[in-house]
């Protein structure tokens, strides 16, 4: 996605169990994480690790987003999702 921002709202579908049920029950309606489009995944991950972030998942292909995705965590900030679409915007 190039240009502008996007807010993604998620909710369980119907009455069946969802991976987000526990989080919603505990936290209610609140932001879960922030997502940033990055131009260089490797460099950004390295910088965040130096700043004390923890890598929750190694960078991996994201089929829905069409690029690479990585999740980082800081107890002060929470979860950051990094997306590298592999081309400039």
N, C-alpha and C. Protein backbone atom coordinates (compact mmCIF):
# COMPACT_ATOMS: atom_id res chain seq x y z
N UNK A 1 0.84 -1.17 0.00
CA UNK A 1 0.00 0.00 0.00
C UNK A 1 0.89 1.23 0.00
N UNK A 2 0.75 2.08 -0.95
CA UNK A 2 1.55 3.28 -1.04
C UNK A 2 0.69 4.50 -0.76
N UNK A 3 1.23 5.44 -0.01
CA UNK A 3 0.54 6.68 0.27
C UNK A 3 -0.59 6.53 1.27
N UNK A 4 -0.67 7.47 2.19
CA UNK A 4 -1.76 7.47 3.15
C UNK A 4 -1.64 6.39 4.20
N UNK A 5 -2.54 6.43 5.13
CA UNK A 5 -2.55 5.44 6.20
C UNK A 5 -3.75 4.53 6.08
N UNK A 6 -3.75 3.52 6.92
CA UNK A 6 -4.85 2.55 6.90
C UNK A 6 -5.07 2.05 8.31
N UNK A 7 -6.31 1.93 8.69
CA UNK A 7 -6.67 1.33 9.97
C UNK A 7 -7.38 0.03 9.66
N UNK A 8 -6.89 -1.04 10.26
CA UNK A 8 -7.48 -2.36 10.05
C UNK A 8 -8.22 -2.73 11.33
N UNK A 9 -9.52 -2.93 11.22
CA UNK A 9 -10.32 -3.34 12.36
C UNK A 9 -10.61 -4.83 12.24
N UNK A 10 -10.38 -5.56 13.32
CA UNK A 10 -10.63 -6.99 13.29
C UNK A 10 -11.60 -7.37 14.40
N UNK A 11 -12.36 -8.41 14.15
CA UNK A 11 -13.32 -8.93 15.12
C UNK A 11 -13.57 -10.39 14.81
N UNK A 12 -13.90 -11.18 15.82
CA UNK A 12 -14.23 -12.58 15.57
C UNK A 12 -15.47 -12.69 14.68
N UNK A 13 -15.51 -13.75 13.90
CA UNK A 13 -16.66 -13.99 13.03
C UNK A 13 -17.59 -14.96 13.73
N UNK A 14 -18.79 -14.51 14.03
CA UNK A 14 -19.78 -15.39 14.65
C UNK A 14 -19.39 -15.80 16.06
N UNK A 15 -19.87 -16.96 16.47
CA UNK A 15 -19.67 -17.45 17.83
C UNK A 15 -18.47 -18.40 17.95
N UNK A 16 -17.84 -18.72 16.84
CA UNK A 16 -16.73 -19.67 16.94
C UNK A 16 -15.50 -19.01 17.56
N UNK A 17 -14.62 -19.83 18.10
CA UNK A 17 -13.41 -19.36 18.76
C UNK A 17 -12.50 -18.67 17.76
N UNK A 18 -11.85 -17.61 18.22
CA UNK A 18 -10.94 -16.84 17.39
C UNK A 18 -9.63 -16.65 18.14
N UNK A 19 -8.50 -16.55 17.44
CA UNK A 19 -7.23 -16.30 18.11
C UNK A 19 -7.21 -14.98 18.89
N UNK A 20 -8.10 -14.04 18.55
CA UNK A 20 -8.09 -12.76 19.24
C UNK A 20 -9.07 -12.68 20.40
N UNK A 21 -9.84 -13.73 20.64
CA UNK A 21 -10.84 -13.72 21.73
C UNK A 21 -10.23 -13.33 23.08
N UNK A 22 -9.17 -13.99 23.47
CA UNK A 22 -8.53 -13.73 24.76
C UNK A 22 -8.06 -12.30 24.88
N UNK A 23 -7.46 -11.79 23.82
CA UNK A 23 -6.97 -10.42 23.83
C UNK A 23 -8.13 -9.43 23.99
N UNK A 24 -9.20 -9.64 23.22
CA UNK A 24 -10.35 -8.73 23.29
C UNK A 24 -11.01 -8.77 24.67
N UNK A 25 -11.09 -9.95 25.27
CA UNK A 25 -11.68 -10.07 26.60
C UNK A 25 -10.82 -9.36 27.64
N UNK A 26 -9.51 -9.46 27.49
CA UNK A 26 -8.59 -8.86 28.45
C UNK A 26 -8.46 -7.35 28.25
N UNK A 27 -8.32 -6.90 27.00
CA UNK A 27 -8.00 -5.50 26.72
C UNK A 27 -9.18 -4.68 26.21
N UNK A 28 -10.22 -5.33 25.71
CA UNK A 28 -11.33 -4.59 25.13
C UNK A 28 -10.95 -4.04 23.76
N UNK A 29 -11.69 -3.06 23.31
CA UNK A 29 -11.42 -2.45 22.00
C UNK A 29 -10.29 -1.45 22.13
N UNK A 30 -9.13 -1.83 21.67
CA UNK A 30 -7.94 -1.00 21.78
C UNK A 30 -6.97 -1.37 20.66
N UNK A 31 -6.08 -0.47 20.30
CA UNK A 31 -5.08 -0.84 19.28
C UNK A 31 -4.24 -2.03 19.76
N UNK A 32 -4.00 -2.95 18.85
CA UNK A 32 -3.20 -4.15 19.16
C UNK A 32 -1.74 -3.93 18.81
N UNK A 33 -1.50 -3.37 17.63
CA UNK A 33 -0.13 -3.08 17.23
C UNK A 33 -0.12 -2.01 16.15
N UNK A 34 1.05 -1.45 15.92
CA UNK A 34 1.25 -0.48 14.85
C UNK A 34 2.01 -1.15 13.73
N UNK A 35 1.69 -0.77 12.50
CA UNK A 35 2.35 -1.36 11.34
C UNK A 35 3.04 -0.25 10.56
N UNK A 36 4.27 -0.50 10.17
CA UNK A 36 5.05 0.46 9.41
C UNK A 36 5.56 -0.16 8.12
N UNK A 37 5.46 0.60 7.04
CA UNK A 37 6.06 0.22 5.77
C UNK A 37 7.53 0.63 5.83
N UNK A 38 8.43 -0.31 5.65
CA UNK A 38 9.86 -0.01 5.69
C UNK A 38 10.49 -0.29 4.33
N UNK A 39 11.54 0.44 4.03
CA UNK A 39 12.22 0.26 2.74
C UNK A 39 13.31 -0.80 2.79
N UNK A 40 13.84 -1.07 3.97
CA UNK A 40 14.92 -2.04 4.11
C UNK A 40 14.69 -2.83 5.39
N UNK A 41 14.08 -4.00 5.26
CA UNK A 41 13.70 -4.81 6.42
C UNK A 41 14.92 -5.14 7.28
N UNK A 42 15.99 -5.61 6.66
CA UNK A 42 17.18 -6.03 7.41
C UNK A 42 17.74 -4.88 8.24
N UNK A 43 17.88 -3.71 7.63
CA UNK A 43 18.42 -2.54 8.33
C UNK A 43 17.49 -2.09 9.46
N UNK A 44 16.19 -2.06 9.20
CA UNK A 44 15.23 -1.63 10.22
C UNK A 44 15.22 -2.58 11.40
N UNK A 45 15.23 -3.89 11.14
CA UNK A 45 15.26 -4.88 12.23
C UNK A 45 16.54 -4.70 13.05
N UNK A 46 17.65 -4.53 12.39
CA UNK A 46 18.93 -4.34 13.08
C UNK A 46 18.89 -3.10 13.99
N UNK A 47 18.35 -2.01 13.48
CA UNK A 47 18.24 -0.78 14.28
C UNK A 47 17.33 -0.97 15.48
N UNK A 48 16.20 -1.64 15.29
CA UNK A 48 15.28 -1.87 16.40
C UNK A 48 15.87 -2.81 17.45
N UNK A 49 16.61 -3.83 17.01
CA UNK A 49 17.28 -4.71 17.96
C UNK A 49 18.29 -3.93 18.80
N UNK A 50 19.02 -3.02 18.17
CA UNK A 50 19.99 -2.18 18.88
C UNK A 50 19.28 -1.26 19.89
N UNK A 51 18.03 -0.91 19.63
CA UNK A 51 17.25 -0.05 20.51
C UNK A 51 16.57 -0.85 21.63
N UNK A 52 16.76 -2.18 21.65
CA UNK A 52 16.22 -3.01 22.71
C UNK A 52 14.94 -3.76 22.38
N UNK A 53 14.49 -3.68 21.13
CA UNK A 53 13.31 -4.44 20.72
C UNK A 53 13.66 -5.92 20.65
N UNK A 54 12.65 -6.76 20.78
CA UNK A 54 12.79 -8.21 20.63
C UNK A 54 12.08 -8.61 19.34
N UNK A 55 12.71 -9.48 18.57
CA UNK A 55 12.08 -9.98 17.35
C UNK A 55 11.14 -11.12 17.73
N UNK A 56 9.85 -10.97 17.44
CA UNK A 56 8.87 -12.01 17.75
C UNK A 56 8.84 -13.08 16.68
N UNK A 57 9.07 -12.68 15.44
CA UNK A 57 9.11 -13.62 14.31
C UNK A 57 10.18 -13.12 13.35
N UNK A 58 10.92 -14.04 12.76
CA UNK A 58 11.89 -13.64 11.75
C UNK A 58 11.14 -13.13 10.53
N UNK A 59 11.74 -12.21 9.77
CA UNK A 59 11.07 -11.74 8.56
C UNK A 59 10.67 -12.91 7.66
N UNK A 60 9.44 -12.86 7.17
CA UNK A 60 8.90 -13.95 6.35
C UNK A 60 7.99 -13.36 5.28
N UNK A 61 7.78 -14.10 4.19
CA UNK A 61 6.86 -13.61 3.16
C UNK A 61 5.44 -13.46 3.71
N UNK A 62 4.77 -12.41 3.29
CA UNK A 62 3.37 -12.18 3.63
C UNK A 62 2.57 -12.22 2.34
N UNK A 63 1.88 -13.30 2.11
CA UNK A 63 1.11 -13.46 0.87
C UNK A 63 0.02 -12.40 0.76
N UNK A 64 -0.77 -12.12 1.83
CA UNK A 64 -1.82 -11.10 1.68
C UNK A 64 -1.27 -9.70 1.39
N UNK A 65 -0.09 -9.39 1.95
CA UNK A 65 0.47 -8.05 1.78
C UNK A 65 1.40 -7.95 0.58
N UNK A 66 1.84 -9.07 0.06
CA UNK A 66 2.71 -9.05 -1.12
C UNK A 66 4.11 -8.58 -0.83
N UNK A 67 4.63 -8.84 0.34
CA UNK A 67 5.99 -8.44 0.69
C UNK A 67 6.49 -9.28 1.84
N UNK A 68 7.45 -8.73 2.56
CA UNK A 68 7.99 -9.39 3.74
C UNK A 68 7.39 -8.73 4.97
N UNK A 69 7.21 -9.52 6.04
CA UNK A 69 6.65 -9.01 7.28
C UNK A 69 7.48 -9.53 8.46
N UNK A 70 7.59 -8.69 9.49
CA UNK A 70 8.32 -9.06 10.69
C UNK A 70 7.64 -8.38 11.88
N UNK A 71 7.55 -9.07 13.00
CA UNK A 71 6.95 -8.50 14.20
C UNK A 71 8.03 -8.30 15.26
N UNK A 72 8.06 -7.09 15.83
CA UNK A 72 9.02 -6.73 16.86
C UNK A 72 8.24 -6.31 18.11
N UNK A 73 8.90 -6.39 19.29
CA UNK A 73 8.22 -6.04 20.54
C UNK A 73 9.13 -5.22 21.45
N UNK A 74 8.52 -4.23 22.09
CA UNK A 74 9.17 -3.45 23.14
C UNK A 74 8.16 -3.29 24.26
N UNK A 75 8.57 -3.48 25.51
CA UNK A 75 7.61 -3.35 26.61
C UNK A 75 7.11 -1.92 26.75
N UNK A 76 7.86 -0.93 26.28
CA UNK A 76 7.42 0.46 26.36
C UNK A 76 6.42 0.82 25.26
N UNK A 77 6.55 0.19 24.10
CA UNK A 77 5.74 0.55 22.93
C UNK A 77 4.72 -0.52 22.58
N UNK A 78 5.07 -1.77 22.76
CA UNK A 78 4.21 -2.87 22.36
C UNK A 78 4.71 -3.51 21.08
N UNK A 79 3.79 -4.01 20.28
CA UNK A 79 4.15 -4.75 19.06
C UNK A 79 4.19 -3.81 17.87
N UNK A 80 5.25 -3.95 17.08
CA UNK A 80 5.37 -3.27 15.79
C UNK A 80 5.37 -4.32 14.70
N UNK A 81 4.59 -4.10 13.68
CA UNK A 81 4.61 -4.94 12.49
C UNK A 81 5.35 -4.16 11.41
N UNK A 82 6.38 -4.75 10.86
CA UNK A 82 7.15 -4.13 9.79
C UNK A 82 6.81 -4.83 8.48
N UNK A 83 6.52 -4.04 7.45
CA UNK A 83 6.22 -4.61 6.14
C UNK A 83 7.14 -3.98 5.11
N UNK A 84 7.79 -4.81 4.33
CA UNK A 84 8.65 -4.35 3.23
C UNK A 84 8.05 -4.90 1.95
N UNK A 85 7.49 -4.00 1.14
CA UNK A 85 6.84 -4.41 -0.10
C UNK A 85 7.84 -4.68 -1.21
N UNK A 86 9.12 -4.39 -0.98
CA UNK A 86 10.15 -4.69 -1.97
C UNK A 86 10.22 -3.66 -3.09
N UNK A 87 9.54 -2.55 -2.95
CA UNK A 87 9.62 -1.48 -3.94
C UNK A 87 9.28 -0.17 -3.25
N UNK A 88 9.80 0.91 -3.73
CA UNK A 88 9.54 2.22 -3.14
C UNK A 88 8.13 2.70 -3.40
N UNK A 89 7.64 3.54 -2.53
CA UNK A 89 6.31 4.14 -2.70
C UNK A 89 6.45 5.60 -3.04
